[in-house]
Amino acid sequence: MNSLAEELQKELEIPTAFTIPVGGGIAVNQTVVITWGIIAFLFALILILTRGFVTQNPTKRQVAVEAFVTWIENLLGGNMDEKSHRYIPYLGSVLIFLAISNIIGIFDIAPPTKDLRTTVALALMSIVLVQIAGIREHHVGGWLKGFAKPIAVMTPMNILELIIKPLSLCMRLFGNVFAAFVIMELVKMVIPVGIPAALSLYFDLFDGLLQAYVFVFLTSLYINEAVE
């Protein structure tokens, strides 16, 4: 158990990738570098896949990309009101980013979502978007009145939700990713060969994709609540 505790401690400590020689030195940790890498990969992929799109006689590549985009819109749009559809591009982008971030563990790369700071940032971005959606739909006055619904006595609880919702989003995402590591370490201690490889596929692939969807699904529900 001591060795497991030491491994967990190491996992919680995010190593520094490099230091920018400015002033006293700005340390850039591993999570930031991996996140930049994922963003650069997605940006390059978008440029390659969307190059040369036409309105008539599309290529198989264009048809495949458009089919994927339609699938994302249907996947997320089914849970959202028509007023909320304008936010699907953001939610789709977060879904793709989280999906890749969660499954890169298959390639022995530390998932950015294993860093609590990443999940906190994503959760805050989502909740800020939820509040913006509410203000955009009901204006500031209507948004403020919403805190007194269904009755005025619920106002403190509704205000408290501004903290609870992002906290639940970030802790659910971080907790599931980190829990998968703990389970894998326990399994390796008992059965070091065979089973860990199979479980790695489950936790890094299936569970990683599932957690990405759950995060976006909950955000879409919060947006629906804000605009209704």
C-alpha atoms as a PDB file:
ATOM      1  CA  MET A   1       0.000   0.000   0.000  1.00  0.00           C
ATOM      2  CA  ASN A   2       2.924   2.309   0.609  1.00  0.00           C
ATOM      3  CA  SER A   3       4.031   1.883  -2.989  1.00  0.00           C
ATOM      4  CA  LEU A   4       0.498   2.683  -4.183  1.00  0.00           C
ATOM      5  CA  ALA A   5       0.434   5.812  -2.026  1.00  0.00           C
ATOM      6  CA  GLU A   6       3.768   6.877  -3.504  1.00  0.00           C
ATOM      7  CA  GLU A   7       2.471   6.312  -7.052  1.00  0.00           C
ATOM      8  CA  LEU A   8      -0.653   8.344  -6.304  1.00  0.00           C
ATOM      9  CA  GLN A   9       1.472  11.152  -4.925  1.00  0.00           C
ATOM     10  CA  LYS A  10       3.573  11.132  -8.083  1.00  0.00           C
ATOM     11  CA  GLU A  11       0.450  11.273 -10.234  1.00  0.00           C
ATOM     12  CA  LEU A  12      -0.853  14.281  -8.325  1.00  0.00           C
ATOM     13  CA  GLU A  13       2.422  16.105  -8.903  1.00  0.00           C
ATOM     14  CA  ILE A  14       2.419  17.554 -12.419  1.00  0.00           C
ATOM     15  CA  PRO A  15       6.038  17.746 -13.653  1.00  0.00           C
ATOM     16  CA  THR A  16       7.490  20.855 -15.280  1.00  0.00           C
ATOM     17  CA  ALA A  17       8.082  20.392 -19.014  1.00  0.00           C
ATOM     18  CA  PHE A  18      10.329  23.423 -19.531  1.00  0.00           C
ATOM     19  CA  THR A  19      10.967  26.915 -18.201  1.00  0.00           C
ATOM     20  CA  ILE A  20      10.610  30.138 -20.196  1.00  0.00           C
ATOM     21  CA  PRO A  21      13.648  32.339 -19.402  1.00  0.00           C
ATOM     22  CA  VAL A  22      11.698  35.505 -18.608  1.00  0.00           C
ATOM     23  CA  GLY A  23      12.278  37.340 -15.356  1.00  0.00           C
ATOM     24  CA  GLY A  24      12.782  34.711 -12.703  1.00  0.00           C
ATOM     25  CA  GLY A  25      11.669  32.005 -15.144  1.00  0.00           C
ATOM     26  CA  ILE A  26       8.128  30.877 -16.024  1.00  0.00           C
ATOM     27  CA  ALA A  27       7.598  27.167 -15.475  1.00  0.00           C
ATOM     28  CA  VAL A  28       5.387  25.434 -18.057  1.00  0.00           C
ATOM     29  CA  ASN A  29       4.038  22.154 -16.752  1.00  0.00           C
ATOM     30  CA  GLN A  30       3.383  18.929 -18.621  1.00  0.00           C
ATOM     31  CA  THR A  31      -0.388  19.439 -18.728  1.00  0.00           C
ATOM     32  CA  VAL A  32      -0.041  22.728 -20.595  1.00  0.00           C
ATOM     33  CA  VAL A  33       2.309  21.201 -23.179  1.00  0.00           C
ATOM     34  CA  ILE A  34       0.031  18.210 -23.797  1.00  0.00           C
ATOM     35  CA  THR A  35      -3.005  20.508 -24.053  1.00  0.00           C
ATOM     36  CA  TRP A  36      -1.185  22.697 -26.574  1.00  0.00           C
ATOM     37  CA  GLY A  37      -0.298  19.546 -28.504  1.00  0.00           C
ATOM     38  CA  ILE A  38      -3.928  18.423 -28.638  1.00  0.00           C
ATOM     39  CA  ILE A  39      -5.083  21.876 -29.775  1.00  0.00           C
ATOM     40  CA  ALA A  40      -2.371  22.006 -32.460  1.00  0.00           C
ATOM     41  CA  PHE A  41      -3.329  18.496 -33.625  1.00  0.00           C
ATOM     42  CA  LEU A  42      -7.012  19.424 -33.881  1.00  0.00           C
ATOM     43  CA  PHE A  43      -6.220  22.682 -35.681  1.00  0.00           C
ATOM     44  CA  ALA A  44      -4.031  20.882 -38.231  1.00  0.00           C
ATOM     45  CA  LEU A  45      -6.672  18.173 -38.662  1.00  0.00           C
ATOM     46  CA  ILE A  46      -9.362  20.775 -39.326  1.00  0.00           C
ATOM     47  CA  LEU A  47      -7.212  22.516 -41.951  1.00  0.00           C
ATOM     48  CA  ILE A  48      -6.497  19.219 -43.705  1.00  0.00           C
ATOM     49  CA  LEU A  49     -10.046  17.821 -43.584  1.00  0.00           C
ATOM     50  CA  THR A  50     -11.837  21.037 -44.617  1.00  0.00           C
ATOM     51  CA  ARG A  51      -9.450  21.971 -47.393  1.00  0.00           C
ATOM     52  CA  GLY A  52     -11.074  22.416 -50.790  1.00  0.00           C
ATOM     53  CA  PHE A  53     -14.699  22.128 -49.704  1.00  0.00           C
ATOM     54  CA  VAL A  54     -17.194  22.816 -52.490  1.00  0.00           C
ATOM     55  CA  THR A  55     -20.969  23.298 -52.723  1.00  0.00           C
ATOM     56  CA  GLN A  56     -21.420  20.840 -55.606  1.00  0.00           C
ATOM     57  CA  ASN A  57     -19.994  17.387 -56.284  1.00  0.00           C
ATOM     58  CA  PRO A  58     -18.329  17.042 -52.850  1.00  0.00           C
ATOM     59  CA  THR A  59     -15.527  14.558 -52.341  1.00  0.00           C
ATOM     60  CA  LYS A  60     -15.810  11.515 -50.081  1.00  0.00           C
ATOM     61  CA  ARG A  61     -13.684  13.367 -47.514  1.00  0.00           C
ATOM     62  CA  GLN A  62     -16.100  16.297 -47.471  1.00  0.00           C
ATOM     63  CA  VAL A  63     -19.115  13.987 -47.199  1.00  0.00           C
ATOM     64  CA  ALA A  64     -17.488  12.150 -44.291  1.00  0.00           C
ATOM     65  CA  VAL A  65     -16.699  15.407 -42.457  1.00  0.00           C
ATOM     66  CA  GLU A  66     -20.205  16.755 -43.006  1.00  0.00           C
ATOM     67  CA  ALA A  67     -21.686  13.460 -41.795  1.00  0.00           C
ATOM     68  CA  PHE A  68     -19.561  13.648 -38.642  1.00  0.00           C
ATOM     69  CA  VAL A  69     -20.631  17.241 -37.968  1.00  0.00           C
ATOM     70  CA  THR A  70     -24.282  16.274 -38.496  1.00  0.00           C
ATOM     71  CA  TRP A  71     -23.846  13.359 -36.087  1.00  0.00           C
ATOM     72  CA  ILE A  72     -22.431  15.711 -33.427  1.00  0.00           C
ATOM     73  CA  GLU A  73     -25.315  18.145 -33.970  1.00  0.00           C
ATOM     74  CA  ASN A  74     -27.882  15.336 -33.637  1.00  0.00           C
ATOM     75  CA  LEU A  75     -26.121  13.870 -30.604  1.00  0.00           C
ATOM     76  CA  LEU A  76     -26.168  17.166 -28.721  1.00  0.00           C
ATOM     77  CA  GLY A  77     -29.205  18.805 -30.300  1.00  0.00           C
ATOM     78  CA  GLY A  78     -31.513  16.008 -29.173  1.00  0.00           C
ATOM     79  CA  ASN A  79     -31.047  17.159 -25.578  1.00  0.00           C
ATOM     80  CA  MET A  80     -31.438  20.864 -26.267  1.00  0.00           C
ATOM     81  CA  ASP A  81     -34.192  23.345 -26.998  1.00  0.00           C
ATOM     82  CA  GLU A  82     -34.123  25.162 -30.357  1.00  0.00           C
ATOM     83  CA  LYS A  83     -33.036  28.335 -28.558  1.00  0.00           C
ATOM     84  CA  SER A  84     -29.974  26.463 -27.281  1.00  0.00           C
ATOM     85  CA  HIS A  85     -28.813  25.138 -30.658  1.00  0.00           C
ATOM     86  CA  ARG A  86     -26.557  28.162 -31.187  1.00  0.00           C
ATOM     87  CA  TYR A  87     -24.271  26.730 -28.492  1.00  0.00           C
ATOM     88  CA  ILE A  88     -23.784  23.350 -30.174  1.00  0.00           C
ATOM     89  CA  PRO A  89     -20.525  24.393 -31.935  1.00  0.00           C
ATOM     90  CA  TYR A  90     -18.936  25.187 -28.555  1.00  0.00           C
ATOM     91  CA  LEU A  91     -20.238  21.991 -26.952  1.00  0.00           C
ATOM     92  CA  GLY A  92     -19.093  19.937 -29.931  1.00  0.00           C
ATOM     93  CA  SER A  93     -15.610  21.437 -29.702  1.00  0.00           C
ATOM     94  CA  VAL A  94     -15.420  20.630 -25.972  1.00  0.00           C
ATOM     95  CA  LEU A  95     -16.667  17.094 -26.647  1.00  0.00           C
ATOM     96  CA  ILE A  96     -13.956  16.427 -29.241  1.00  0.00           C
ATOM     97  CA  PHE A  97     -11.242  18.004 -27.074  1.00  0.00           C
ATOM     98  CA  LEU A  98     -12.265  15.981 -24.003  1.00  0.00           C
ATOM     99  CA  ALA A  99     -12.589  12.767 -25.993  1.00  0.00           C
ATOM    100  CA  ILE A 100      -9.019  13.061 -27.274  1.00  0.00           C
ATOM    101  CA  SER A 101      -7.728  14.255 -23.890  1.00  0.00           C
ATOM    102  CA  ASN A 102      -9.240  11.267 -22.119  1.00  0.00           C
ATOM    103  CA  ILE A 103      -8.172   8.534 -24.554  1.00  0.00           C
ATOM    104  CA  ILE A 104      -4.545   9.546 -25.162  1.00  0.00           C
ATOM    105  CA  GLY A 105      -3.655   7.458 -22.125  1.00  0.00           C
ATOM    106  CA  ILE A 106      -3.708   4.506 -24.534  1.00  0.00           C
ATOM    107  CA  PHE A 107      -0.507   5.938 -26.016  1.00  0.00           C
ATOM    108  CA  ASP A 108       1.052   6.289 -22.558  1.00  0.00           C
ATOM    109  CA  ILE A 109       0.498  10.068 -22.533  1.00  0.00           C
ATOM    110  CA  ALA A 110      -0.790  11.698 -19.360  1.00  0.00           C
ATOM    111  CA  PRO A 111      -4.387  12.927 -19.954  1.00  0.00           C
ATOM    112  CA  PRO A 112      -4.746  16.681 -19.288  1.00  0.00           C
ATOM    113  CA  THR A 113      -8.000  15.912 -17.455  1.00  0.00           C
ATOM    114  CA  LYS A 114      -5.952  14.150 -14.778  1.00  0.00           C
ATOM    115  CA  ASP A 115      -4.881  17.647 -13.729  1.00  0.00           C
ATOM    116  CA  LEU A 116      -7.563  19.239 -11.552  1.00  0.00           C
ATOM    117  CA  ARG A 117      -6.715  22.666 -12.955  1.00  0.00           C
ATOM    118  CA  THR A 118      -7.782  21.575 -16.430  1.00  0.00           C
ATOM    119  CA  THR A 119     -11.167  20.279 -15.293  1.00  0.00           C
ATOM    120  CA  VAL A 120     -11.739  23.401 -13.174  1.00  0.00           C
ATOM    121  CA  ALA A 121     -11.011  25.640 -16.174  1.00  0.00           C
ATOM    122  CA  LEU A 122     -13.375  23.669 -18.430  1.00  0.00           C
ATOM    123  CA  ALA A 123     -16.112  23.682 -15.798  1.00  0.00           C
ATOM    124  CA  LEU A 124     -15.800  27.450 -15.266  1.00  0.00           C
ATOM    125  CA  MET A 125     -15.949  28.055 -19.029  1.00  0.00           C
ATOM    126  CA  SER A 126     -19.126  25.980 -19.264  1.00  0.00           C
ATOM    127  CA  ILE A 127     -20.864  27.667 -16.333  1.00  0.00           C
ATOM    128  CA  VAL A 128     -19.922  31.140 -17.602  1.00  0.00           C
ATOM    129  CA  LEU A 129     -21.464  30.162 -20.958  1.00  0.00           C
ATOM    130  CA  VAL A 130     -24.609  28.997 -19.132  1.00  0.00           C
ATOM    131  CA  GLN A 131     -24.979  32.371 -17.414  1.00  0.00           C
ATOM    132  CA  ILE A 132     -24.311  34.229 -20.679  1.00  0.00           C
ATOM    133  CA  ALA A 133     -27.022  32.131 -22.344  1.00  0.00           C
ATOM    134  CA  GLY A 134     -29.461  33.081 -19.592  1.00  0.00           C
ATOM    135  CA  ILE A 135     -28.628  36.790 -19.824  1.00  0.00           C
ATOM    136  CA  ARG A 136     -28.801  36.718 -23.611  1.00  0.00           C
ATOM    137  CA  GLU A 137     -32.248  35.135 -23.548  1.00  0.00           C
ATOM    138  CA  HIS A 138     -33.848  36.964 -20.606  1.00  0.00           C
ATOM    139  CA  HIS A 139     -31.640  40.073 -20.314  1.00  0.00           C
ATOM    140  CA  VAL A 140     -30.033  41.045 -17.005  1.00  0.00           C
ATOM    141  CA  GLY A 141     -33.321  41.786 -15.229  1.00  0.00           C
ATOM    142  CA  GLY A 142     -34.928  38.490 -16.163  1.00  0.00           C
ATOM    143  CA  TRP A 143     -31.715  36.610 -15.344  1.00  0.00           C
ATOM    144  CA  LEU A 144     -31.634  38.116 -11.853  1.00  0.00           C
ATOM    145  CA  LYS A 145     -35.322  37.362 -11.293  1.00  0.00           C
ATOM    146  CA  GLY A 146     -34.575  33.750 -12.153  1.00  0.00           C
ATOM    147  CA  PHE A 147     -32.724  33.353  -8.867  1.00  0.00           C
ATOM    148  CA  ALA A 148     -36.019  33.885  -7.018  1.00  0.00           C
ATOM    149  CA  LYS A 149     -37.807  31.022  -8.786  1.00  0.00           C
ATOM    150  CA  PRO A 150     -39.914  29.096  -8.010  1.00  0.00           C
ATOM    151  CA  ILE A 151     -40.282  31.097  -4.778  1.00  0.00           C
ATOM    152  CA  ALA A 152     -38.196  33.898  -3.272  1.00  0.00           C
ATOM    153  CA  VAL A 153     -37.061  31.771  -0.331  1.00  0.00           C
ATOM    154  CA  MET A 154     -35.063  29.627  -2.809  1.00  0.00           C
ATOM    155  CA  THR A 155     -32.845  32.575  -3.788  1.00  0.00           C
ATOM    156  CA  PRO A 156     -29.870  31.584  -1.549  1.00  0.00           C
ATOM    157  CA  MET A 157     -29.971  28.010  -2.879  1.00  0.00           C
ATOM    158  CA  ASN A 158     -30.169  29.206  -6.488  1.00  0.00           C
ATOM    159  CA  ILE A 159     -27.189  31.490  -5.947  1.00  0.00           C
ATOM    160  CA  LEU A 160     -25.308  28.615  -4.313  1.00  0.00           C
ATOM    161  CA  GLU A 161     -25.850  26.616  -7.502  1.00  0.00           C
ATOM    162  CA  LEU A 162     -23.438  28.994  -9.255  1.00  0.00           C
ATOM    163  CA  ILE A 163     -20.708  27.323  -7.179  1.00  0.00           C
ATOM    164  CA  ILE A 164     -22.155  23.824  -6.965  1.00  0.00           C
ATOM    165  CA  LYS A 165     -22.612  23.289 -10.712  1.00  0.00           C
ATOM    166  CA  PRO A 166     -19.014  24.001 -11.811  1.00  0.00           C
ATOM    167  CA  LEU A 167     -17.721  22.112  -8.777  1.00  0.00           C
ATOM    168  CA  SER A 168     -19.768  19.038  -9.673  1.00  0.00           C
ATOM    169  CA  LEU A 169     -18.690  19.219 -13.323  1.00  0.00           C
ATOM    170  CA  CYS A 170     -14.966  19.471 -12.612  1.00  0.00           C
ATOM    171  CA  MET A 171     -14.902  16.935  -9.752  1.00  0.00           C
ATOM    172  CA  ARG A 172     -16.919  14.371 -11.719  1.00  0.00           C
ATOM    173  CA  LEU A 173     -14.551  14.586 -14.684  1.00  0.00           C
ATOM    174  CA  PHE A 174     -11.364  14.678 -12.602  1.00  0.00           C
ATOM    175  CA  GLY A 175     -12.602  12.013 -10.192  1.00  0.00           C
ATOM    176  CA  ASN A 176     -13.422   9.489 -12.897  1.00  0.00           C
ATOM    177  CA  VAL A 177     -10.120   9.949 -14.731  1.00  0.00           C
ATOM    178  CA  PHE A 178      -8.076   9.750 -11.537  1.00  0.00           C
ATOM    179  CA  ALA A 179     -10.122   6.830 -10.153  1.00  0.00           C
ATOM    180  CA  ALA A 180      -9.318   4.863 -13.305  1.00  0.00           C
ATOM    181  CA  PHE A 181      -5.610   5.269 -12.529  1.00  0.00           C
ATOM    182  CA  VAL A 182      -6.104   4.076  -8.933  1.00  0.00           C
ATOM    183  CA  ILE A 183      -7.994   0.981 -10.091  1.00  0.00           C
ATOM    184  CA  MET A 184      -5.332   0.199 -12.688  1.00  0.00           C
ATOM    185  CA  GLU A 185      -2.560   0.443 -10.079  1.00  0.00           C
ATOM    186  CA  LEU A 186      -4.436  -1.906  -7.728  1.00  0.00           C
ATOM    187  CA  VAL A 187      -4.986  -4.421 -10.529  1.00  0.00           C
ATOM    188  CA  LYS A 188      -1.299  -4.277 -11.511  1.00  0.00           C
ATOM    189  CA  MET A 189      -0.322  -5.092  -7.945  1.00  0.00           C
ATOM    190  CA  VAL A 190      -2.482  -8.270  -7.999  1.00  0.00           C
ATOM    191  CA  ILE A 191      -2.261  -9.337 -11.670  1.00  0.00           C
ATOM    192  CA  PRO A 192       0.677  -7.630 -13.390  1.00  0.00           C
ATOM    193  CA  VAL A 193       0.182  -9.262 -16.826  1.00  0.00           C
ATOM    194  CA  GLY A 194      -2.787  -9.596 -19.181  1.00  0.00           C
ATOM    195  CA  ILE A 195      -5.741  -8.128 -17.292  1.00  0.00           C
ATOM    196  CA  PRO A 196      -4.241  -4.615 -16.940  1.00  0.00           C
ATOM    197  CA  ALA A 197      -3.936  -4.302 -20.720  1.00  0.00           C
ATOM    198  CA  ALA A 198      -7.604  -5.183 -21.242  1.00  0.00           C
ATOM    199  CA  LEU A 199      -8.749  -2.860 -18.463  1.00  0.00           C
ATOM    200  CA  SER A 200      -6.613  -0.078 -19.908  1.00  0.00           C
ATOM    201  CA  LEU A 201      -8.617  -0.247 -23.126  1.00  0.00           C
ATOM    202  CA  TYR A 202     -11.836   0.032 -21.122  1.00  0.00           C
ATOM    203  CA  PHE A 203     -10.794   2.925 -18.885  1.00  0.00           C
ATOM    204  CA  ASP A 204      -8.819   4.869 -21.491  1.00  0.00           C
ATOM    205  CA  LEU A 205     -11.196   4.331 -24.408  1.00  0.00           C
ATOM    206  CA  PHE A 206     -14.767   3.547 -23.368  1.00  0.00           C
ATOM    207  CA  ASP A 207     -14.830   5.318 -20.013  1.00  0.00           C
ATOM    208  CA  GLY A 208     -12.857   8.274 -21.428  1.00  0.00           C
ATOM    209  CA  LEU A 209     -15.385   8.812 -24.215  1.00  0.00           C
ATOM    210  CA  LEU A 210     -18.268   8.324 -21.797  1.00  0.00           C
ATOM    211  CA  GLN A 211     -16.968  10.970 -19.383  1.00  0.00           C
ATOM    212  CA  ALA A 212     -16.482  13.432 -22.240  1.00  0.00           C
ATOM    213  CA  TYR A 213     -20.118  12.952 -23.266  1.00  0.00           C
ATOM    214  CA  VAL A 214     -21.412  13.201 -19.687  1.00  0.00           C
ATOM    215  CA  PHE A 215     -19.593  16.520 -19.193  1.00  0.00           C
ATOM    216  CA  VAL A 216     -21.071  18.025 -22.371  1.00  0.00           C
ATOM    217  CA  PHE A 217     -24.494  16.480 -21.721  1.00  0.00           C
ATOM    218  CA  LEU A 218     -24.732  18.104 -18.277  1.00  0.00           C
ATOM    219  CA  THR A 219     -23.598  21.442 -19.707  1.00  0.00           C
ATOM    220  CA  SER A 220     -26.323  21.231 -22.359  1.00  0.00           C
ATOM    221  CA  LEU A 221     -28.929  20.582 -19.637  1.00  0.00           C
ATOM    222  CA  TYR A 222     -27.728  23.631 -17.690  1.00  0.00           C
ATOM    223  CA  ILE A 223     -27.980  25.765 -20.840  1.00  0.00           C
ATOM    224  CA  ASN A 224     -31.533  24.546 -21.430  1.00  0.00           C
ATOM    225  CA  GLU A 225     -32.462  25.514 -17.868  1.00  0.00           C
ATOM    226  CA  ALA A 226     -30.930  28.962 -18.373  1.00  0.00           C
ATOM    227  CA  VAL A 227     -32.826  29.794 -21.570  1.00  0.00           C
ATOM    228  CA  GLU A 228     -36.220  28.395 -20.559  1.00  0.00           C
END
